[in-house]
Amino acid sequence: MTSIKAGSSLCFPSSARACSSSLTACLTCKSPLPPDLLGRSSRSTSLHWVAREYVGVLVSYMAYDIYVMYLCHWHKSEERGEAAPKHSWASLGAFLRKERLMVTHHLFILVVLTPVAVHLRGELGDFFVGCIFTAELSTPFVSLGKILMQLQMQDSLLHKANGLLILLTFFLCRIALFPFMYWSYARQVGLPVYKVPFRIPFHCNVANALLIAPQLYWFFLICRKAAGLYRHRTPQEAAKLR
């Protein structure tokens, strides 16, 4: 029961932050797309204040999210009788080993993307910042799926319908998003899409590769879980999904 409460304390703020991210994305994506990412245009000086100020909300949430993920991990381990003392190095190490990809993802946002979004990009890139924020549109459905599983409703029609929404929003907002950004830039500057990676700064391609790599892995895991969701399961298989 404690792990369910801890999970809820993660799911509800995640959904609220995802909704605010999506709203921020809608506002910032209206900003004009500069003809050159290097800023050789007066149009590139157009900034939306939300794109900069919202980063503070994002930083606070990421720090909170890491801590709540640790609490969820510790309470689940305690229920299985495997937990080390709370807030000990042993329990922290076990958490980092299990959630290393998610923690790395969060730390990358905090340590790398936050300084870029607030300071290093200058007056460029509102459109792309807004696009990245749309990635959170899938989070409310992911959170709802976790809540339904905690309530043992994984065989309900609602859970199956929510699974389809997770697949759709995750693919569109976290996978197809990156080709869309390249296509948008190509359309703006009048280039074929295949030439865009050679036109934009190299570090932009590297950053996009680092961002999409974990998304592809998570999408694979979601597809694998969805394959089990839409076929008949034995009681033992159903228990593993909880």
C-alpha atoms as a PDB file:
ATOM      1  CA  MET A   1       0.000   0.000   0.000  1.00  0.00           C
ATOM      2  CA  THR A   2       2.862   2.371   0.787  1.00  0.00           C
ATOM      3  CA  SER A   3       4.365   1.802  -2.649  1.00  0.00           C
ATOM      4  CA  ILE A   4       0.987   2.644  -4.217  1.00  0.00           C
ATOM      5  CA  LYS A   5       0.894   5.942  -2.330  1.00  0.00           C
ATOM      6  CA  ALA A   6       4.456   6.691  -3.383  1.00  0.00           C
ATOM      7  CA  GLY A   7       3.592   5.819  -6.972  1.00  0.00           C
ATOM      8  CA  SER A   8       0.601   8.150  -6.891  1.00  0.00           C
ATOM      9  CA  SER A   9       2.792  10.963  -5.570  1.00  0.00           C
ATOM     10  CA  LEU A  10       4.857  10.497  -8.726  1.00  0.00           C
ATOM     11  CA  CYS A  11       2.046   9.978 -11.253  1.00  0.00           C
ATOM     12  CA  PHE A  12      -0.137  12.982 -10.430  1.00  0.00           C
ATOM     13  CA  PRO A  13       2.661  15.610 -10.458  1.00  0.00           C
ATOM     14  CA  SER A  14       4.021  13.980 -13.627  1.00  0.00           C
ATOM     15  CA  SER A  15       0.670  14.424 -15.341  1.00  0.00           C
ATOM     16  CA  ALA A  16       0.300  18.018 -14.151  1.00  0.00           C
ATOM     17  CA  ARG A  17       3.802  18.904 -15.314  1.00  0.00           C
ATOM     18  CA  ALA A  18       3.186  17.170 -18.653  1.00  0.00           C
ATOM     19  CA  CYS A  19       0.050  19.245 -19.230  1.00  0.00           C
ATOM     20  CA  SER A  20       1.919  22.455 -18.430  1.00  0.00           C
ATOM     21  CA  SER A  21       4.738  21.384 -20.773  1.00  0.00           C
ATOM     22  CA  SER A  22       2.253  20.822 -23.577  1.00  0.00           C
ATOM     23  CA  LEU A  23       0.714  24.255 -23.000  1.00  0.00           C
ATOM     24  CA  THR A  24       4.184  25.805 -23.012  1.00  0.00           C
ATOM     25  CA  ALA A  25       4.932  23.987 -26.261  1.00  0.00           C
ATOM     26  CA  CYS A  26       1.812  25.413 -27.906  1.00  0.00           C
ATOM     27  CA  LEU A  27       2.836  28.935 -26.928  1.00  0.00           C
ATOM     28  CA  THR A  28       6.509  28.735 -27.869  1.00  0.00           C
ATOM     29  CA  CYS A  29       6.010  26.881 -31.153  1.00  0.00           C
ATOM     30  CA  LYS A  30       4.161  29.957 -32.406  1.00  0.00           C
ATOM     31  CA  SER A  31       7.443  31.867 -32.289  1.00  0.00           C
ATOM     32  CA  PRO A  32       9.000  32.338 -35.739  1.00  0.00           C
ATOM     33  CA  LEU A  33      11.506  29.765 -36.883  1.00  0.00           C
ATOM     34  CA  PRO A  34      14.810  31.497 -37.756  1.00  0.00           C
ATOM     35  CA  PRO A  35      16.115  30.917 -41.282  1.00  0.00           C
ATOM     36  CA  ASP A  36      19.500  29.986 -39.819  1.00  0.00           C
ATOM     37  CA  LEU A  37      20.164  28.253 -36.514  1.00  0.00           C
ATOM     38  CA  LEU A  38      23.322  30.326 -36.196  1.00  0.00           C
ATOM     39  CA  GLY A  39      21.138  33.413 -35.960  1.00  0.00           C
ATOM     40  CA  ARG A  40      21.955  35.245 -39.148  1.00  0.00           C
ATOM     41  CA  SER A  41      18.535  36.867 -39.284  1.00  0.00           C
ATOM     42  CA  SER A  42      16.663  39.536 -37.353  1.00  0.00           C
ATOM     43  CA  ARG A  43      13.732  37.128 -37.009  1.00  0.00           C
ATOM     44  CA  SER A  44      15.839  34.963 -34.731  1.00  0.00           C
ATOM     45  CA  THR A  45      15.608  37.586 -31.982  1.00  0.00           C
ATOM     46  CA  SER A  46      11.953  36.718 -31.341  1.00  0.00           C
ATOM     47  CA  LEU A  47      11.674  35.027 -27.936  1.00  0.00           C
ATOM     48  CA  HIS A  48       8.697  33.899 -25.913  1.00  0.00           C
ATOM     49  CA  TRP A  49       9.155  34.469 -22.189  1.00  0.00           C
ATOM     50  CA  VAL A  50       7.467  31.146 -21.339  1.00  0.00           C
ATOM     51  CA  ALA A  51      10.215  29.187 -23.114  1.00  0.00           C
ATOM     52  CA  ARG A  52      12.781  30.585 -20.687  1.00  0.00           C
ATOM     53  CA  GLU A  53      10.798  30.854 -17.456  1.00  0.00           C
ATOM     54  CA  TYR A  54       9.240  27.395 -17.677  1.00  0.00           C
ATOM     55  CA  VAL A  55      12.684  25.816 -17.409  1.00  0.00           C
ATOM     56  CA  GLY A  56      12.610  26.639 -13.678  1.00  0.00           C
ATOM     57  CA  VAL A  57       9.503  24.474 -13.303  1.00  0.00           C
ATOM     58  CA  LEU A  58      11.190  21.712 -15.277  1.00  0.00           C
ATOM     59  CA  VAL A  59      14.310  21.759 -13.079  1.00  0.00           C
ATOM     60  CA  SER A  60      12.260  21.559  -9.879  1.00  0.00           C
ATOM     61  CA  TYR A  61      10.187  18.706 -11.230  1.00  0.00           C
ATOM     62  CA  MET A  62      13.178  16.666 -12.429  1.00  0.00           C
ATOM     63  CA  ALA A  63      14.820  16.864  -8.999  1.00  0.00           C
ATOM     64  CA  TYR A  64      11.521  15.918  -7.332  1.00  0.00           C
ATOM     65  CA  ASP A  65      10.955  13.089  -9.797  1.00  0.00           C
ATOM     66  CA  ILE A  66      14.333  11.480  -9.096  1.00  0.00           C
ATOM     67  CA  TYR A  67      13.670  11.515  -5.350  1.00  0.00           C
ATOM     68  CA  VAL A  68      10.145  10.097  -5.651  1.00  0.00           C
ATOM     69  CA  MET A  69      11.400   7.370  -7.994  1.00  0.00           C
ATOM     70  CA  TYR A  70      13.882   6.455  -5.268  1.00  0.00           C
ATOM     71  CA  LEU A  71      11.085   6.320  -2.673  1.00  0.00           C
ATOM     72  CA  CYS A  72       8.970   4.092  -4.942  1.00  0.00           C
ATOM     73  CA  HIS A  73      11.924   1.779  -5.481  1.00  0.00           C
ATOM     74  CA  TRP A  74      12.673   1.604  -1.740  1.00  0.00           C
ATOM     75  CA  HIS A  75       9.064   0.899  -0.703  1.00  0.00           C
ATOM     76  CA  LYS A  76       8.704  -1.844  -3.329  1.00  0.00           C
ATOM     77  CA  SER A  77      11.943  -3.406  -2.115  1.00  0.00           C
ATOM     78  CA  GLU A  78      10.692  -3.174   1.471  1.00  0.00           C
ATOM     79  CA  GLU A  79       7.464  -4.982   0.571  1.00  0.00           C
ATOM     80  CA  ARG A  80       9.560  -7.780  -0.941  1.00  0.00           C
ATOM     81  CA  GLY A  81      11.778  -7.858   2.139  1.00  0.00           C
ATOM     82  CA  GLU A  82      14.840  -6.830   0.124  1.00  0.00           C
ATOM     83  CA  ALA A  83      15.253  -3.199   1.167  1.00  0.00           C
ATOM     84  CA  ALA A  84      18.479  -1.819   2.601  1.00  0.00           C
ATOM     85  CA  PRO A  85      18.139   0.936   5.245  1.00  0.00           C
ATOM     86  CA  LYS A  86      16.332   3.953   3.838  1.00  0.00           C
ATOM     87  CA  HIS A  87      18.592   6.714   2.451  1.00  0.00           C
ATOM     88  CA  SER A  88      21.633   4.464   2.830  1.00  0.00           C
ATOM     89  CA  TRP A  89      24.363   4.131   0.211  1.00  0.00           C
ATOM     90  CA  ALA A  90      23.282   0.527  -0.362  1.00  0.00           C
ATOM     91  CA  SER A  91      19.663   1.472  -1.129  1.00  0.00           C
ATOM     92  CA  LEU A  92      20.819   4.375  -3.299  1.00  0.00           C
ATOM     93  CA  GLY A  93      23.148   2.084  -5.236  1.00  0.00           C
ATOM     94  CA  ALA A  94      20.373  -0.462  -5.797  1.00  0.00           C
ATOM     95  CA  PHE A  95      18.098   2.307  -7.062  1.00  0.00           C
ATOM     96  CA  LEU A  96      20.718   3.670  -9.466  1.00  0.00           C
ATOM     97  CA  ARG A  97      21.431   0.205 -10.849  1.00  0.00           C
ATOM     98  CA  LYS A  98      17.753  -0.418 -11.547  1.00  0.00           C
ATOM     99  CA  GLU A  99      16.829   3.043 -12.836  1.00  0.00           C
ATOM    100  CA  ARG A 100      20.159   4.115 -14.328  1.00  0.00           C
ATOM    101  CA  LEU A 101      18.711   5.014 -17.736  1.00  0.00           C
ATOM    102  CA  MET A 102      15.899   7.152 -16.320  1.00  0.00           C
ATOM    103  CA  VAL A 103      18.222   8.869 -13.835  1.00  0.00           C
ATOM    104  CA  THR A 104      20.770   9.522 -16.599  1.00  0.00           C
ATOM    105  CA  HIS A 105      17.977  10.989 -18.739  1.00  0.00           C
ATOM    106  CA  HIS A 106      16.908  13.329 -15.923  1.00  0.00           C
ATOM    107  CA  LEU A 107      20.476  14.369 -15.106  1.00  0.00           C
ATOM    108  CA  PHE A 108      21.172  15.055 -18.789  1.00  0.00           C
ATOM    109  CA  ILE A 109      18.209  17.433 -18.817  1.00  0.00           C
ATOM    110  CA  LEU A 110      19.353  19.119 -15.601  1.00  0.00           C
ATOM    111  CA  VAL A 111      23.066  19.377 -16.381  1.00  0.00           C
ATOM    112  CA  VAL A 112      23.102  19.837 -20.172  1.00  0.00           C
ATOM    113  CA  LEU A 113      19.761  20.944 -21.594  1.00  0.00           C
ATOM    114  CA  THR A 114      18.869  23.392 -18.825  1.00  0.00           C
ATOM    115  CA  PRO A 115      21.968  25.611 -19.277  1.00  0.00           C
ATOM    116  CA  VAL A 116      21.450  25.462 -23.045  1.00  0.00           C
ATOM    117  CA  ALA A 117      17.781  26.461 -22.806  1.00  0.00           C
ATOM    118  CA  VAL A 118      18.379  29.279 -20.312  1.00  0.00           C
ATOM    119  CA  HIS A 119      21.796  30.722 -21.174  1.00  0.00           C
ATOM    120  CA  LEU A 120      23.755  29.212 -24.048  1.00  0.00           C
ATOM    121  CA  ARG A 121      21.190  29.403 -26.849  1.00  0.00           C
ATOM    122  CA  GLY A 122      20.919  33.172 -26.546  1.00  0.00           C
ATOM    123  CA  GLU A 123      17.871  34.321 -28.498  1.00  0.00           C
ATOM    124  CA  LEU A 124      17.606  31.279 -30.750  1.00  0.00           C
ATOM    125  CA  GLY A 125      15.540  28.138 -30.840  1.00  0.00           C
ATOM    126  CA  ASP A 126      12.119  28.867 -29.295  1.00  0.00           C
ATOM    127  CA  PHE A 127      10.470  26.680 -31.906  1.00  0.00           C
ATOM    128  CA  PHE A 128      12.723  23.735 -31.117  1.00  0.00           C
ATOM    129  CA  VAL A 129      12.406  24.226 -27.347  1.00  0.00           C
ATOM    130  CA  GLY A 130       8.637  24.112 -27.803  1.00  0.00           C
ATOM    131  CA  CYS A 131       8.914  20.950 -29.881  1.00  0.00           C
ATOM    132  CA  ILE A 132      10.940  19.247 -27.148  1.00  0.00           C
ATOM    133  CA  PHE A 133       8.318  20.215 -24.562  1.00  0.00           C
ATOM    134  CA  THR A 134       5.629  18.402 -26.599  1.00  0.00           C
ATOM    135  CA  ALA A 135       7.424  15.137 -25.761  1.00  0.00           C
ATOM    136  CA  GLU A 136       5.631  15.248 -22.409  1.00  0.00           C
ATOM    137  CA  LEU A 137       2.212  14.851 -24.018  1.00  0.00           C
ATOM    138  CA  SER A 138       2.475  11.083 -23.560  1.00  0.00           C
ATOM    139  CA  THR A 139       3.213  11.311 -19.819  1.00  0.00           C
ATOM    140  CA  PRO A 140      -0.395  11.616 -18.518  1.00  0.00           C
ATOM    141  CA  PHE A 141      -1.307   8.390 -20.314  1.00  0.00           C
ATOM    142  CA  VAL A 142       1.796   6.620 -18.985  1.00  0.00           C
ATOM    143  CA  SER A 143       0.908   7.786 -15.468  1.00  0.00           C
ATOM    144  CA  LEU A 144      -2.711   6.666 -15.859  1.00  0.00           C
ATOM    145  CA  GLY A 145      -1.498   3.253 -16.983  1.00  0.00           C
ATOM    146  CA  LYS A 146       0.627   2.902 -13.835  1.00  0.00           C
ATOM    147  CA  ILE A 147      -2.292   3.925 -11.622  1.00  0.00           C
ATOM    148  CA  LEU A 148      -4.629   1.420 -13.299  1.00  0.00           C
ATOM    149  CA  MET A 149      -2.069  -1.346 -12.791  1.00  0.00           C
ATOM    150  CA  GLN A 150      -1.710  -0.424  -9.111  1.00  0.00           C
ATOM    151  CA  LEU A 151      -5.503  -0.678  -8.836  1.00  0.00           C
ATOM    152  CA  GLN A 152      -5.306  -4.115 -10.530  1.00  0.00           C
ATOM    153  CA  MET A 153      -7.316  -2.874 -13.520  1.00  0.00           C
ATOM    154  CA  GLN A 154      -4.814  -4.032 -16.140  1.00  0.00           C
ATOM    155  CA  ASP A 155      -7.470  -6.207 -17.809  1.00  0.00           C
ATOM    156  CA  SER A 156     -10.021  -3.397 -18.081  1.00  0.00           C
ATOM    157  CA  LEU A 157     -11.110  -1.790 -21.340  1.00  0.00           C
ATOM    158  CA  LEU A 158      -9.913   1.569 -20.005  1.00  0.00           C
ATOM    159  CA  HIS A 159      -6.392   0.219 -19.546  1.00  0.00           C
ATOM    160  CA  LYS A 160      -6.330  -1.219 -23.064  1.00  0.00           C
ATOM    161  CA  ALA A 161      -7.629   2.012 -24.600  1.00  0.00           C
ATOM    162  CA  ASN A 162      -5.073   3.958 -22.582  1.00  0.00           C
ATOM    163  CA  GLY A 163      -2.364   1.630 -23.898  1.00  0.00           C
ATOM    164  CA  LEU A 164      -3.244   2.595 -27.464  1.00  0.00           C
ATOM    165  CA  LEU A 165      -3.042   6.277 -26.534  1.00  0.00           C
ATOM    166  CA  ILE A 166       0.382   5.688 -24.964  1.00  0.00           C
ATOM    167  CA  LEU A 167       1.638   4.067 -28.168  1.00  0.00           C
ATOM    168  CA  LEU A 168       0.234   6.841 -30.347  1.00  0.00           C
ATOM    169  CA  THR A 169       1.361   9.837 -28.290  1.00  0.00           C
ATOM    170  CA  PHE A 170       4.760   8.352 -27.446  1.00  0.00           C
ATOM    171  CA  PHE A 171       5.512   7.631 -31.099  1.00  0.00           C
ATOM    172  CA  LEU A 172       4.302  11.001 -32.386  1.00  0.00           C
ATOM    173  CA  CYS A 173       5.724  13.191 -29.606  1.00  0.00           C
ATOM    174  CA  ARG A 174       8.964  11.371 -28.781  1.00  0.00           C
ATOM    175  CA  ILE A 175       9.993   9.560 -31.980  1.00  0.00           C
ATOM    176  CA  ALA A 176       8.421  11.271 -34.997  1.00  0.00           C
ATOM    177  CA  LEU A 177       9.092  14.626 -33.308  1.00  0.00           C
ATOM    178  CA  PHE A 178      12.758  14.606 -34.333  1.00  0.00           C
ATOM    179  CA  PRO A 179      12.230  14.009 -38.076  1.00  0.00           C
ATOM    180  CA  PHE A 180       9.508  16.666 -37.888  1.00  0.00           C
ATOM    181  CA  MET A 181      11.963  19.241 -36.508  1.00  0.00           C
ATOM    182  CA  TYR A 182      14.424  18.490 -39.316  1.00  0.00           C
ATOM    183  CA  TRP A 183      11.612  18.707 -41.874  1.00  0.00           C
ATOM    184  CA  SER A 184      10.408  22.028 -40.416  1.00  0.00           C
ATOM    185  CA  TYR A 185      13.883  23.513 -40.651  1.00  0.00           C
ATOM    186  CA  ALA A 186      14.307  22.216 -44.211  1.00  0.00           C
ATOM    187  CA  ARG A 187      10.997  23.760 -45.218  1.00  0.00           C
ATOM    188  CA  GLN A 188      11.888  27.093 -43.601  1.00  0.00           C
ATOM    189  CA  VAL A 189      15.259  27.475 -45.313  1.00  0.00           C
ATOM    190  CA  GLY A 190      14.333  25.773 -48.595  1.00  0.00           C
ATOM    191  CA  LEU A 191      16.611  22.743 -48.318  1.00  0.00           C
ATOM    192  CA  PRO A 192      16.028  19.044 -48.986  1.00  0.00           C
ATOM    193  CA  VAL A 193      15.574  17.266 -45.659  1.00  0.00           C
ATOM    194  CA  TYR A 194      18.599  15.028 -46.177  1.00  0.00           C
ATOM    195  CA  LYS A 195      20.872  18.096 -46.297  1.00  0.00           C
ATOM    196  CA  VAL A 196      19.727  19.493 -42.947  1.00  0.00           C
ATOM    197  CA  PRO A 197      22.116  17.416 -40.766  1.00  0.00           C
ATOM    198  CA  PHE A 198      25.016  18.873 -42.762  1.00  0.00           C
ATOM    199  CA  ARG A 199      23.682  22.438 -42.545  1.00  0.00           C
ATOM    200  CA  ILE A 200      23.016  22.720 -38.817  1.00  0.00           C
ATOM    201  CA  PRO A 201      25.800  22.735 -36.180  1.00  0.00           C
ATOM    202  CA  PHE A 202      27.244  19.309 -35.404  1.00  0.00           C
ATOM    203  CA  HIS A 203      26.401  19.549 -31.703  1.00  0.00           C
ATOM    204  CA  CYS A 204      22.697  19.892 -32.596  1.00  0.00           C
ATOM    205  CA  ASN A 205      22.811  16.508 -34.323  1.00  0.00           C
ATOM    206  CA  VAL A 206      24.638  14.999 -31.341  1.00  0.00           C
ATOM    207  CA  ALA A 207      22.083  16.404 -28.884  1.00  0.00           C
ATOM    208  CA  ASN A 208      19.186  15.056 -30.941  1.00  0.00           C
ATOM    209  CA  ALA A 209      20.837  11.634 -31.137  1.00  0.00           C
ATOM    210  CA  LEU A 210      21.326  11.565 -27.360  1.00  0.00           C
ATOM    211  CA  LEU A 211      17.707  12.559 -26.825  1.00  0.00           C
ATOM    212  CA  ILE A 212      16.104  10.109 -29.234  1.00  0.00           C
ATOM    213  CA  ALA A 213      18.213   7.074 -28.261  1.00  0.00           C
ATOM    214  CA  PRO A 214      16.484   6.403 -24.900  1.00  0.00           C
ATOM    215  CA  GLN A 215      13.105   7.190 -26.468  1.00  0.00           C
ATOM    216  CA  LEU A 216      13.625   4.417 -29.018  1.00  0.00           C
ATOM    217  CA  TYR A 217      14.542   1.989 -26.233  1.00  0.00           C
ATOM    218  CA  TRP A 218      11.513   2.945 -24.130  1.00  0.00           C
ATOM    219  CA  PHE A 219       9.236   2.698 -27.166  1.00  0.00           C
ATOM    220  CA  PHE A 220      10.519  -0.832 -27.749  1.00  0.00           C
ATOM    221  CA  LEU A 221       9.676  -1.706 -24.131  1.00  0.00           C
ATOM    222  CA  ILE A 222       6.212  -0.155 -24.485  1.00  0.00           C
ATOM    223  CA  CYS A 223       5.549  -2.147 -27.662  1.00  0.00           C
ATOM    224  CA  ARG A 224       6.690  -5.346 -25.973  1.00  0.00           C
ATOM    225  CA  LYS A 225       4.400  -4.714 -23.010  1.00  0.00           C
ATOM    226  CA  ALA A 226       1.533  -3.805 -25.357  1.00  0.00           C
ATOM    227  CA  ALA A 227       1.968  -7.108 -27.186  1.00  0.00           C
ATOM    228  CA  GLY A 228       1.339  -8.889 -23.896  1.00  0.00           C
ATOM    229  CA  LEU A 229      -1.538  -6.589 -22.989  1.00  0.00           C
ATOM    230  CA  TYR A 230      -3.639  -7.414 -26.052  1.00  0.00           C
ATOM    231  CA  ARG A 231      -3.324 -11.180 -25.890  1.00  0.00           C
ATOM    232  CA  HIS A 232      -4.698 -13.676 -23.406  1.00  0.00           C
ATOM    233  CA  ARG A 233      -2.476 -14.015 -20.334  1.00  0.00           C
ATOM    234  CA  THR A 234      -2.164 -16.653 -17.687  1.00  0.00           C
ATOM    235  CA  PRO A 235      -2.544 -15.503 -14.043  1.00  0.00           C
ATOM    236  CA  GLN A 236       1.236 -15.785 -13.647  1.00  0.00           C
ATOM    237  CA  GLU A 237       1.857 -13.505 -16.646  1.00  0.00           C
ATOM    238  CA  ALA A 238      -0.717 -11.001 -15.403  1.00  0.00           C
ATOM    239  CA  ALA A 239       1.011 -10.875 -12.016  1.00  0.00           C
ATOM    240  CA  LYS A 240       4.307  -9.941 -13.679  1.00  0.00           C
ATOM    241  CA  LEU A 241       2.708  -6.846 -15.231  1.00  0.00           C
ATOM    242  CA  ARG A 242       1.670  -5.423 -11.873  1.00  0.00           C
END
